[in-house]
Each structure stands twice: as C-alpha cells, then as structure tokens.
Amino acid sequence: MTGGCACGRIRYNAEVEGDDAYLCHCRMCQRAAGSVSIAFKNVPKASVRWEREPDYFQSSPIARRGYCCQCGTSLTFEHPDHDKMDLTVGSFDDPSRFVPTAHFGSESMHRAWINTENLHEQKATDYQPLNERWLKATGKPTPA
C-alpha cells in the first residue's frame, strides 16, 4: 500500500497484512495529532520503503514520531529499539480497508467522541461556500 504526507514531499510503500488498526488516545498522541485520538496501523519496520525519509521529532525519551516539516502531516510513531512501527491510517492513499479493533491509552479517552453515529453528516462537496472558494482559487470543482 502507498501513502504519504499532504504536500507529497514524503511518500512510502508498505507491505501491509490484515485490516486491523487501532486508535490511540494517550495525551502525547492527542497533542501530536491535535485531535482527541489518532488512528494507527502497526507494521514491521522492514515492510516500509520510504521514497524520502520523514522528519523526526523525539517525542519522549523512548519514542519518536515521523512527520513532514513542510506540511505538518503526522506519519509515524515508533520506538527506535523495536522492529515494528505505527503508520498513521490517514496517511495511506486509501485508508478505507482498515478497521479499528482496539483502543490504546484509554485513560485519556474522550468518550463523547467515540460514537458519533447519530450526528448530522454533511459532505464537503455539498457545502456551497467551500465549493465557491475552491472554484475561485483553482478553477476546478471541489475534489471528493
């Protein structure tokens, strides 16, 4: 499977087995993602081939996070002394195959954000102010 950052500067190809993924709710991940949780797919480090290595931030004495210094996309979490790493689900070109099977860091979980099934849904492509801005800026319709 392929993936990368928002600006395209950092790209990867990963041999991925299984569809299982997990959500991490620990405070470090919340801060790193700027969100209430972050979705990860755990893979062997040897299964990932980088076209360009990510930039790294030493996020604790035992772990580092890969990201793009140009666009800010969060890409990885890893312990340097371990043979596996996490790739952010959102950085895959097609993350649709992954299914969350576990929660980690549940002591910091914001439960109100877990089941959002009954909330109002709106497609970005149906939001006219966004469509008008996008068309004015690019001359093209809003991408799906």
Protein backbone atom coordinates (compact mmCIF):
# COMPACT_ATOMS: atom_id res chain seq x y z
CA MET A 1 0.00 0.00 0.00
CA THR A 2 1.15 3.53 -0.67
CA GLY A 3 0.85 6.69 1.34
CA GLY A 4 2.46 9.95 2.27
CA CYS A 5 2.02 13.46 3.51
CA ALA A 6 -0.44 16.14 2.38
CA CYS A 7 2.06 18.03 0.21
CA GLY A 8 3.57 14.91 -1.39
CA ARG A 9 7.13 15.56 -0.21
CA ILE A 10 7.25 12.31 1.76
CA ARG A 11 5.94 9.09 0.22
CA TYR A 12 6.07 5.46 1.30
CA ASN A 13 5.20 1.97 0.13
CA ALA A 14 4.33 -0.58 2.80
CA GLU A 15 3.60 -4.29 2.71
CA VAL A 16 0.54 -4.47 4.92
CA GLU A 17 -1.04 -7.60 6.34
CA GLY A 18 -4.54 -7.58 7.78
CA ASP A 19 -7.11 -4.82 8.07
CA ASP A 20 -6.81 -4.27 11.81
CA ALA A 21 -5.87 -0.84 13.11
CA TYR A 22 -6.22 0.90 16.44
CA LEU A 23 -6.96 4.27 17.99
CA CYS A 24 -4.51 5.78 20.45
CA HIS A 25 -5.99 8.22 22.96
CA CYS A 26 -2.89 8.94 25.07
CA ARG A 27 -2.16 12.60 25.76
CA MET A 28 1.06 12.51 23.74
CA CYS A 29 -0.82 11.28 20.66
CA GLN A 30 -3.62 13.77 21.24
CA ARG A 31 -1.11 16.59 21.25
CA ALA A 32 0.91 15.24 18.32
CA ALA A 33 -2.23 14.89 16.19
CA GLY A 34 -4.01 17.95 17.53
CA SER A 35 -7.03 15.70 17.96
CA VAL A 36 -8.81 13.51 20.51
CA SER A 37 -7.14 10.37 19.12
CA ILE A 38 -5.02 9.13 16.26
CA ALA A 39 -5.56 6.04 14.13
CA PHE A 40 -2.55 3.75 13.60
CA LYS A 41 -1.69 0.63 11.62
CA ASN A 42 1.13 -1.35 13.21
CA VAL A 43 3.61 -2.79 10.68
CA PRO A 44 7.12 -4.24 10.67
CA LYS A 45 9.67 -1.51 10.01
CA ALA A 46 11.25 -3.71 7.34
CA SER A 47 7.98 -3.66 5.38
CA VAL A 48 8.11 0.12 4.81
CA ARG A 49 10.08 1.66 1.96
CA TRP A 50 10.43 5.44 2.01
CA GLU A 51 10.91 7.42 -1.19
CA ARG A 52 12.06 10.17 1.16
CA GLU A 53 12.55 9.66 4.89
CA PRO A 54 10.24 11.66 7.12
CA ASP A 55 11.50 14.28 9.50
CA TYR A 56 11.52 13.09 13.10
CA PHE A 57 10.59 14.55 16.46
CA GLN A 58 11.86 12.83 19.61
CA SER A 59 8.51 12.93 21.41
CA SER A 60 9.70 11.20 24.60
CA PRO A 61 12.83 9.53 25.97
CA ILE A 62 11.68 6.24 24.39
CA ALA A 63 9.86 7.20 21.17
CA ARG A 64 9.95 9.35 18.07
CA ARG A 65 7.36 10.49 15.55
CA GLY A 66 7.80 10.86 11.81
CA TYR A 67 6.21 13.85 10.12
CA CYS A 68 6.65 16.23 7.19
CA CYS A 69 8.29 19.52 8.16
CA GLN A 70 6.75 21.21 5.10
CA CYS A 71 3.04 20.43 5.59
CA GLY A 72 2.96 19.07 9.14
CA THR A 73 1.41 15.68 8.36
CA SER A 74 1.85 13.13 11.14
CA LEU A 75 3.15 9.90 9.59
CA THR A 76 4.63 7.54 12.19
CA PHE A 77 5.14 6.57 15.79
CA GLU A 78 7.98 4.26 16.76
CA HIS A 79 10.30 3.04 19.46
CA PRO A 80 13.76 3.09 17.82
CA ASP A 81 14.77 -0.16 19.54
CA HIS A 82 11.70 -2.13 18.30
CA ASP A 83 11.22 -3.92 14.97
CA LYS A 84 7.67 -2.60 14.46
CA MET A 85 6.25 0.88 13.96
CA ASP A 86 2.92 2.58 13.51
CA LEU A 87 1.85 4.34 10.33
CA THR A 88 -1.00 6.84 10.63
CA VAL A 89 -4.09 5.43 8.95
CA GLY A 90 -4.91 8.84 7.48
CA SER A 91 -1.58 8.97 5.63
CA PHE A 92 -2.42 5.93 3.47
CA ASP A 93 -3.62 6.83 -0.02
CA ASP A 94 -6.64 4.58 0.55
CA PRO A 95 -7.26 4.06 4.26
CA SER A 96 -10.73 2.60 3.69
CA ARG A 97 -9.69 -1.03 4.21
CA PHE A 98 -8.66 -0.51 7.83
CA VAL A 99 -10.99 -1.31 10.71
CA PRO A 100 -10.37 -0.17 14.29
CA THR A 101 -10.07 -3.22 16.53
CA ALA A 102 -8.70 -1.69 19.75
CA HIS A 103 -8.24 1.44 21.84
CA PHE A 104 -4.93 2.29 23.48
CA GLY A 105 -4.26 4.98 26.08
CA SER A 106 -7.87 4.69 27.22
CA GLU A 107 -7.12 6.61 30.41
CA SER A 108 -7.23 9.78 28.28
CA MET A 109 -10.15 8.76 26.06
CA HIS A 110 -12.81 11.40 25.38
CA ARG A 111 -15.84 9.12 25.24
CA ALA A 112 -18.13 11.75 23.73
CA TRP A 113 -16.05 11.46 20.53
CA ILE A 114 -16.20 7.66 20.24
CA ASN A 115 -19.73 7.05 18.96
CA THR A 116 -20.63 9.85 16.57
CA GLU A 117 -23.05 7.73 14.55
CA ASN A 118 -26.14 9.89 15.20
CA LEU A 119 -24.52 13.25 14.48
CA HIS A 120 -25.55 15.30 11.45
CA GLU A 121 -23.46 14.49 8.37
CA GLN A 122 -22.61 16.83 5.52
CA LYS A 123 -20.42 16.13 2.53
CA ALA A 124 -17.79 18.77 1.85
CA THR A 125 -18.83 18.75 -1.81
CA ASP A 126 -22.38 19.74 -0.75
CA TYR A 127 -21.23 22.81 1.20
CA GLN A 128 -21.66 25.70 -1.24
CA PRO A 129 -19.34 28.27 0.44
CA LEU A 130 -16.48 25.75 0.27
CA ASN A 131 -17.28 24.92 -3.36
CA GLU A 132 -17.26 28.60 -4.30
CA ARG A 133 -13.92 29.23 -2.55
CA TRP A 134 -12.34 26.17 -4.15
CA LEU A 135 -13.61 27.04 -7.64
CA LYS A 136 -12.42 30.65 -7.29
CA ALA A 137 -8.95 29.53 -6.11
CA THR A 138 -8.40 26.64 -8.53
CA GLY A 139 -10.88 26.96 -11.38
CA LYS A 140 -11.93 23.37 -10.66
CA PRO A 141 -14.73 21.74 -8.64
CA THR A 142 -14.06 20.71 -5.04
CA PRO A 143 -12.33 17.29 -5.02
CA ALA A 144 -14.31 14.45 -3.46
